[in-house]
C-alpha atoms as a PDB file:
ATOM      1  CA  MET A   1     -74.876-121.199  54.403  1.00  0.00           C
ATOM      2  CA  ALA A   2     -77.466-118.506  55.423  1.00  0.00           C
ATOM      3  CA  ASN A   3     -78.189-120.680  58.481  1.00  0.00           C
ATOM      4  CA  LYS A   4     -74.774-120.434  59.536  1.00  0.00           C
ATOM      5  CA  VAL A   5     -74.958-116.678  59.250  1.00  0.00           C
ATOM      6  CA  ASP A   6     -78.279-116.474  60.973  1.00  0.00           C
ATOM      7  CA  GLY A   7     -76.774-118.668  63.850  1.00  0.00           C
ATOM      8  CA  LEU A   8     -74.771-115.585  65.000  1.00  0.00           C
ATOM      9  CA  SER A   9     -76.006-114.504  68.442  1.00  0.00           C
ATOM     10  CA  THR A  10     -77.779-111.295  69.022  1.00  0.00           C
ATOM     11  CA  THR A  11     -74.916-110.450  71.552  1.00  0.00           C
ATOM     12  CA  VAL A  12     -72.343-110.869  68.645  1.00  0.00           C
ATOM     13  CA  ILE A  13     -74.426-108.815  66.330  1.00  0.00           C
ATOM     14  CA  SER A  14     -74.925-106.032  68.850  1.00  0.00           C
ATOM     15  CA  THR A  15     -71.316-105.981  69.699  1.00  0.00           C
ATOM     16  CA  PHE A  16     -70.417-105.957  65.967  1.00  0.00           C
ATOM     17  CA  GLN A  17     -72.894-102.870  65.588  1.00  0.00           C
ATOM     18  CA  SER A  18     -71.090-101.053  68.335  1.00  0.00           C
ATOM     19  CA  GLY A  19     -67.765-101.313  66.334  1.00  0.00           C
ATOM     20  CA  ASP A  20     -66.065-104.257  68.020  1.00  0.00           C
ATOM     21  CA  THR A  21     -63.440-105.646  65.657  1.00  0.00           C
ATOM     22  CA  MET A  22     -63.497-109.133  67.090  1.00  0.00           C
ATOM     23  CA  ALA A  23     -67.224-109.373  66.556  1.00  0.00           C
ATOM     24  CA  PHE A  24     -66.640-108.096  63.108  1.00  0.00           C
ATOM     25  CA  LYS A  25     -64.202-110.824  62.502  1.00  0.00           C
ATOM     26  CA  GLN A  26     -66.686-113.316  63.585  1.00  0.00           C
ATOM     27  CA  VAL A  27     -69.292-111.839  61.162  1.00  0.00           C
ATOM     28  CA  TYR A  28     -66.721-111.902  58.424  1.00  0.00           C
ATOM     29  CA  ASP A  29     -65.541-115.460  59.100  1.00  0.00           C
ATOM     30  CA  LEU A  30     -69.088-116.906  59.148  1.00  0.00           C
ATOM     31  CA  SER A  31     -70.485-114.947  56.334  1.00  0.00           C
ATOM     32  CA  PHE A  32     -67.715-114.484  53.740  1.00  0.00           C
ATOM     33  CA  GLU A  33     -68.287-117.793  52.018  1.00  0.00           C
ATOM     34  CA  TYR A  34     -72.198-117.115  51.836  1.00  0.00           C
ATOM     35  CA  LEU A  35     -71.785-113.612  50.343  1.00  0.00           C
ATOM     36  CA  PHE A  36     -69.009-114.724  48.023  1.00  0.00           C
ATOM     37  CA  HIS A  37     -71.378-117.308  46.418  1.00  0.00           C
ATOM     38  CA  VAL A  38     -74.224-114.866  46.260  1.00  0.00           C
ATOM     39  CA  ILE A  39     -71.942-112.424  44.384  1.00  0.00           C
ATOM     40  CA  LEU A  40     -70.365-115.183  42.162  1.00  0.00           C
ATOM     41  CA  LYS A  41     -73.834-116.200  40.995  1.00  0.00           C
ATOM     42  CA  MET A  42     -74.228-112.627  39.759  1.00  0.00           C
ATOM     43  CA  VAL A  43     -70.874-111.924  38.198  1.00  0.00           C
ATOM     44  CA  HIS A  44     -69.501-115.472  37.433  1.00  0.00           C
ATOM     45  CA  HIS A  45     -65.995-114.257  37.661  1.00  0.00           C
ATOM     46  CA  ARG A  46     -63.987-115.416  40.750  1.00  0.00           C
ATOM     47  CA  GLU A  47     -61.657-112.398  40.927  1.00  0.00           C
ATOM     48  CA  ASP A  48     -64.417-109.877  40.645  1.00  0.00           C
ATOM     49  CA  ALA A  49     -66.530-111.660  43.079  1.00  0.00           C
ATOM     50  CA  GLN A  50     -63.700-111.787  45.603  1.00  0.00           C
ATOM     51  CA  ASP A  51     -63.137-108.051  45.053  1.00  0.00           C
ATOM     52  CA  LEU A  52     -66.733-107.340  45.433  1.00  0.00           C
ATOM     53  CA  ALA A  53     -67.223-109.447  48.563  1.00  0.00           C
ATOM     54  CA  HIS A  54     -64.334-107.528  50.248  1.00  0.00           C
ATOM     55  CA  ASP A  55     -66.019-104.190  49.309  1.00  0.00           C
ATOM     56  CA  VAL A  56     -69.300-105.494  50.596  1.00  0.00           C
ATOM     57  CA  PHE A  57     -67.706-106.137  53.948  1.00  0.00           C
ATOM     58  CA  VAL A  58     -66.409-102.458  54.067  1.00  0.00           C
ATOM     59  CA  LYS A  59     -70.067-101.385  53.370  1.00  0.00           C
ATOM     60  CA  ILE A  60     -71.333-103.819  56.025  1.00  0.00           C
ATOM     61  CA  TYR A  61     -69.053-102.360  58.599  1.00  0.00           C
ATOM     62  CA  GLU A  62     -69.947 -98.723  57.581  1.00  0.00           C
ATOM     63  CA  LYS A  63     -73.642 -99.529  57.728  1.00  0.00           C
ATOM     64  CA  ARG A  64     -73.591-101.780  60.808  1.00  0.00           C
ATOM     65  CA  ALA A  65     -75.626 -99.264  62.999  1.00  0.00           C
ATOM     66  CA  HIS A  66     -78.505 -99.557  60.393  1.00  0.00           C
ATOM     67  CA  PHE A  67     -79.118-103.139  60.898  1.00  0.00           C
ATOM     68  CA  ASN A  68     -82.654-103.711  62.127  1.00  0.00           C
ATOM     69  CA  HIS A  69     -82.995-106.768  64.347  1.00  0.00           C
ATOM     70  CA  SER A  70     -86.572-107.313  63.069  1.00  0.00           C
ATOM     71  CA  CYS A  71     -85.188-109.029  59.918  1.00  0.00           C
ATOM     72  CA  LEU A  72     -82.772-111.885  59.486  1.00  0.00           C
ATOM     73  CA  PHE A  73     -79.088-110.897  59.515  1.00  0.00           C
ATOM     74  CA  SER A  74     -78.559-113.007  56.356  1.00  0.00           C
ATOM     75  CA  THR A  75     -81.330-110.904  54.550  1.00  0.00           C
ATOM     76  CA  TRP A  76     -79.559-107.708  55.481  1.00  0.00           C
ATOM     77  CA  LEU A  77     -76.240-108.910  54.243  1.00  0.00           C
ATOM     78  CA  TYR A  78     -77.816-110.342  51.114  1.00  0.00           C
ATOM     79  CA  ARG A  79     -79.433-106.962  50.348  1.00  0.00           C
ATOM     80  CA  ILE A  80     -76.200-105.051  50.750  1.00  0.00           C
ATOM     81  CA  ALA A  81     -74.308-107.685  48.664  1.00  0.00           C
ATOM     82  CA  THR A  82     -76.813-107.657  45.744  1.00  0.00           C
ATOM     83  CA  ASN A  83     -77.243-103.938  45.721  1.00  0.00           C
ATOM     84  CA  HIS A  84     -73.498-103.373  45.537  1.00  0.00           C
ATOM     85  CA  THR A  85     -73.074-106.138  42.957  1.00  0.00           C
ATOM     86  CA  LEU A  86     -75.840-104.575  40.776  1.00  0.00           C
ATOM     87  CA  ASN A  87     -74.174-101.208  41.008  1.00  0.00           C
ATOM     88  CA  PHE A  88     -70.933-102.783  39.833  1.00  0.00           C
ATOM     89  CA  LEU A  89     -72.717-104.554  36.958  1.00  0.00           C
ATOM     90  CA  THR A  90     -74.430-101.298  35.868  1.00  0.00           C
ATOM     91  CA  GLN A  91     -71.021 -99.604  35.743  1.00  0.00           C
ATOM     92  CA  GLN A  92     -69.608-102.441  33.757  1.00  0.00           C
ATOM     93  CA  GLN A  93     -72.468-102.383  31.269  1.00  0.00           C
ATOM     94  CA  GLY A  94     -71.784 -98.605  30.771  1.00  0.00           C
ATOM     95  CA  ARG A  95     -68.138 -99.484  29.917  1.00  0.00           C
ATOM     96  CA  ARG A  96     -68.861-102.538  27.708  1.00  0.00           C
ATOM     97  CA  LYS A  97     -72.040-102.083  25.654  1.00  0.00           C
ATOM     98  CA  LYS A  98     -71.449-105.421  23.679  1.00  0.00           C
ATOM     99  CA  GLU A  99     -70.437-107.476  26.551  1.00  0.00           C
ATOM    100  CA  SER A 100     -72.489-108.070  29.673  1.00  0.00           C
ATOM    101  CA  ALA A 101     -70.896-108.496  33.042  1.00  0.00           C
ATOM    102  CA  ILE A 102     -73.600-110.796  34.328  1.00  0.00           C
ATOM    103  CA  TYR A 103     -73.342-114.650  34.249  1.00  0.00           C
ATOM    104  CA  PHE A 104     -75.177-116.964  36.384  1.00  0.00           C
ATOM    105  CA  TRP A 105     -74.620-120.472  37.447  1.00  0.00           C
ATOM    106  CA  ASN A 106     -76.213-122.998  35.082  1.00  0.00           C
ATOM    107  CA  ASN A 107     -78.153-124.975  37.603  1.00  0.00           C
ATOM    108  CA  PRO A 108     -80.379-127.296  35.622  1.00  0.00           C
ATOM    109  CA  SER A 109     -82.306-128.494  38.707  1.00  0.00           C
ATOM    110  CA  GLY A 110     -83.517-124.926  39.273  1.00  0.00           C
ATOM    111  CA  ALA A 111     -83.623-123.547  35.779  1.00  0.00           C
ATOM    112  CA  GLY A 112     -87.285-123.804  35.319  1.00  0.00           C
ATOM    113  CA  ASP A 113     -89.472-125.008  32.613  1.00  0.00           C
ATOM    114  CA  TRP A 114     -87.159-123.807  29.772  1.00  0.00           C
ATOM    115  CA  GLU A 115     -84.221-126.079  30.762  1.00  0.00           C
ATOM    116  CA  HIS A 116     -85.143-128.923  28.443  1.00  0.00           C
ATOM    117  CA  GLU A 117     -84.946-126.566  25.458  1.00  0.00           C
ATOM    118  CA  LEU A 118     -81.307-125.628  26.103  1.00  0.00           C
ATOM    119  CA  ASP A 119     -78.612-127.037  23.769  1.00  0.00           C
ATOM    120  CA  ASP A 120     -75.655-126.896  26.114  1.00  0.00           C
ATOM    121  CA  ASP A 121     -74.685-126.031  29.634  1.00  0.00           C
ATOM    122  CA  GLY A 122     -73.575-122.557  28.852  1.00  0.00           C
ATOM    123  CA  GLN A 123     -76.712-121.404  26.991  1.00  0.00           C
ATOM    124  CA  LEU A 124     -78.776-120.533  30.062  1.00  0.00           C
ATOM    125  CA  SER A 125     -76.003-118.242  31.260  1.00  0.00           C
ATOM    126  CA  GLU A 126     -75.648-116.716  27.777  1.00  0.00           C
ATOM    127  CA  LEU A 127     -79.428-116.055  27.356  1.00  0.00           C
ATOM    128  CA  LEU A 128     -79.670-114.582  30.932  1.00  0.00           C
ATOM    129  CA  MET A 129     -77.252-111.950  29.836  1.00  0.00           C
ATOM    130  CA  GLY A 130     -79.892-110.660  27.497  1.00  0.00           C
ATOM    131  CA  ILE A 131     -82.373-110.005  30.362  1.00  0.00           C
ATOM    132  CA  LYS A 132     -82.497-106.610  32.119  1.00  0.00           C
ATOM    133  CA  PRO A 133     -80.533-106.696  35.438  1.00  0.00           C
ATOM    134  CA  GLU A 134     -83.444-105.826  37.572  1.00  0.00           C
ATOM    135  CA  TYR A 135     -85.510-108.650  36.155  1.00  0.00           C
ATOM    136  CA  ARG A 136     -82.643-111.084  36.089  1.00  0.00           C
ATOM    137  CA  ILE A 137     -81.826-110.802  39.776  1.00  0.00           C
ATOM    138  CA  CYS A 138     -85.421-111.560  40.719  1.00  0.00           C
ATOM    139  CA  LEU A 139     -85.525-114.551  38.429  1.00  0.00           C
ATOM    140  CA  VAL A 140     -82.258-115.920  39.663  1.00  0.00           C
ATOM    141  CA  MET A 141     -83.234-115.491  43.229  1.00  0.00           C
ATOM    142  CA  HIS A 142     -86.526-117.318  42.724  1.00  0.00           C
ATOM    143  CA  GLU A 143     -85.425-120.029  40.264  1.00  0.00           C
ATOM    144  CA  LEU A 144     -81.884-120.665  41.196  1.00  0.00           C
ATOM    145  CA  ASP A 145     -81.731-119.792  44.791  1.00  0.00           C
ATOM    146  CA  ASP A 146     -85.281-121.123  45.555  1.00  0.00           C
ATOM    147  CA  LEU A 147     -86.241-117.789  47.437  1.00  0.00           C
ATOM    148  CA  SER A 148     -89.915-117.036  47.954  1.00  0.00           C
ATOM    149  CA  TYR A 149     -91.452-113.853  46.514  1.00  0.00           C
ATOM    150  CA  ASP A 150     -91.813-112.446  49.993  1.00  0.00           C
ATOM    151  CA  THR A 151     -88.007-113.069  50.744  1.00  0.00           C
ATOM    152  CA  ILE A 152     -87.052-111.518  47.389  1.00  0.00           C
ATOM    153  CA  ALA A 153     -89.309-108.485  48.130  1.00  0.00           C
ATOM    154  CA  ASP A 154     -87.823-107.999  51.560  1.00  0.00           C
ATOM    155  CA  THR A 155     -84.162-108.508  50.372  1.00  0.00           C
ATOM    156  CA  LEU A 156     -84.497-106.000  47.412  1.00  0.00           C
ATOM    157  CA  ASP A 157     -86.666-103.712  49.367  1.00  0.00           C
ATOM    158  CA  ILE A 158     -89.363-103.758  46.603  1.00  0.00           C
ATOM    159  CA  SER A 159     -93.004-104.639  46.685  1.00  0.00           C
ATOM    160  CA  LEU A 160     -94.315-108.091  46.252  1.00  0.00           C
ATOM    161  CA  GLY A 161     -96.129-107.090  43.112  1.00  0.00           C
ATOM    162  CA  THR A 162     -92.903-105.642  41.667  1.00  0.00           C
ATOM    163  CA  VAL A 163     -91.150-108.936  42.240  1.00  0.00           C
ATOM    164  CA  LYS A 164     -93.898-111.102  40.639  1.00  0.00           C
ATOM    165  CA  SER A 165     -94.004-108.536  37.638  1.00  0.00           C
ATOM    166  CA  ARG A 166     -90.198-108.692  37.302  1.00  0.00           C
ATOM    167  CA  ILE A 167     -90.003-112.489  37.279  1.00  0.00           C
ATOM    168  CA  ASN A 168     -92.835-112.668  34.684  1.00  0.00           C
ATOM    169  CA  ARG A 169     -91.014-110.023  32.434  1.00  0.00           C
ATOM    170  CA  ALA A 170     -87.771-111.982  32.920  1.00  0.00           C
ATOM    171  CA  LYS A 171     -89.423-115.316  31.836  1.00  0.00           C
ATOM    172  CA  THR A 172     -90.967-113.562  28.835  1.00  0.00           C
ATOM    173  CA  GLN A 173     -87.614-112.112  27.836  1.00  0.00           C
ATOM    174  CA  LEU A 174     -85.884-115.423  28.300  1.00  0.00           C
ATOM    175  CA  LYS A 175     -88.523-117.288  26.087  1.00  0.00           C
ATOM    176  CA  ASP A 176     -88.069-114.568  23.472  1.00  0.00           C
ATOM    177  CA  LEU A 177     -84.299-114.867  23.621  1.00  0.00           C
ATOM    178  CA  LEU A 178     -84.681-118.677  23.388  1.00  0.00           C
ATOM    179  CA  ALA A 179     -86.806-118.464  20.311  1.00  0.00           C
ATOM    180  CA  ALA A 180     -84.335-115.978  18.696  1.00  0.00           C
ATOM    181  CA  ALA A 181     -81.405-118.290  19.543  1.00  0.00           C
ATOM    182  CA  LYS A 182     -83.335-121.191  18.033  1.00  0.00           C
ATOM    183  CA  ALA A 183     -84.014-119.237  14.924  1.00  0.00           C
ATOM    184  CA  GLY A 184     -80.265-118.505  14.490  1.00  0.00           C
ATOM    185  CA  GLN A 185     -80.370-114.869  15.476  1.00  0.00           C
ATOM    186  CA  THR A 186     -77.748-113.408  17.714  1.00  0.00           C
ATOM    187  CA  THR A 187     -78.641-112.778  21.302  1.00  0.00           C
ATOM    188  CA  PRO A 188     -78.939-109.040  21.944  1.00  0.00           C
ATOM    189  CA  VAL A 189     -77.542-107.716  25.275  1.00  0.00           C
ATOM    190  CA  SER A 190     -79.938-105.534  27.172  1.00  0.00           C
ATOM    191  CA  GLY A 191     -78.846-102.131  28.405  1.00  0.00           C
END
């Protein structure tokens, strides 16, 4: 889907940046599905994902002049969508301490080396809820979305070392949560 978004011509993007509503409609039409699925992987709730996707397009329109043509358009859109969604999730966690608002697709083909230890399809999503959001997003981007460390760093605007560290910490937390689940302990939700 990102390829479809990156297929937008520089003319359409430049026209969009100048505020042309028809160019914005083209951007919306070609990128809504892509951004919706990015957000849905983070919140795992269709209605919230639709609302957030629409909010993201308002932000995209407001920030259109800030797009730098030296990066991929899809990367810029992904960054805005993930940052907005992380802000939403942080607000949700403040309101619901016992219930995390983050769920992720259970994608066994990309779940990493812990997939064989999971009892059911929902256990990965449940365990991921216990990982700190800033670690979780890096892990999901790398393991489930198959993004490189460099792409994650560029998308989240963090250093390559920070990406590697967060993924390592996420895997450590996930293994600890898996061990606790196997021992019959309840899975704590991170704050």
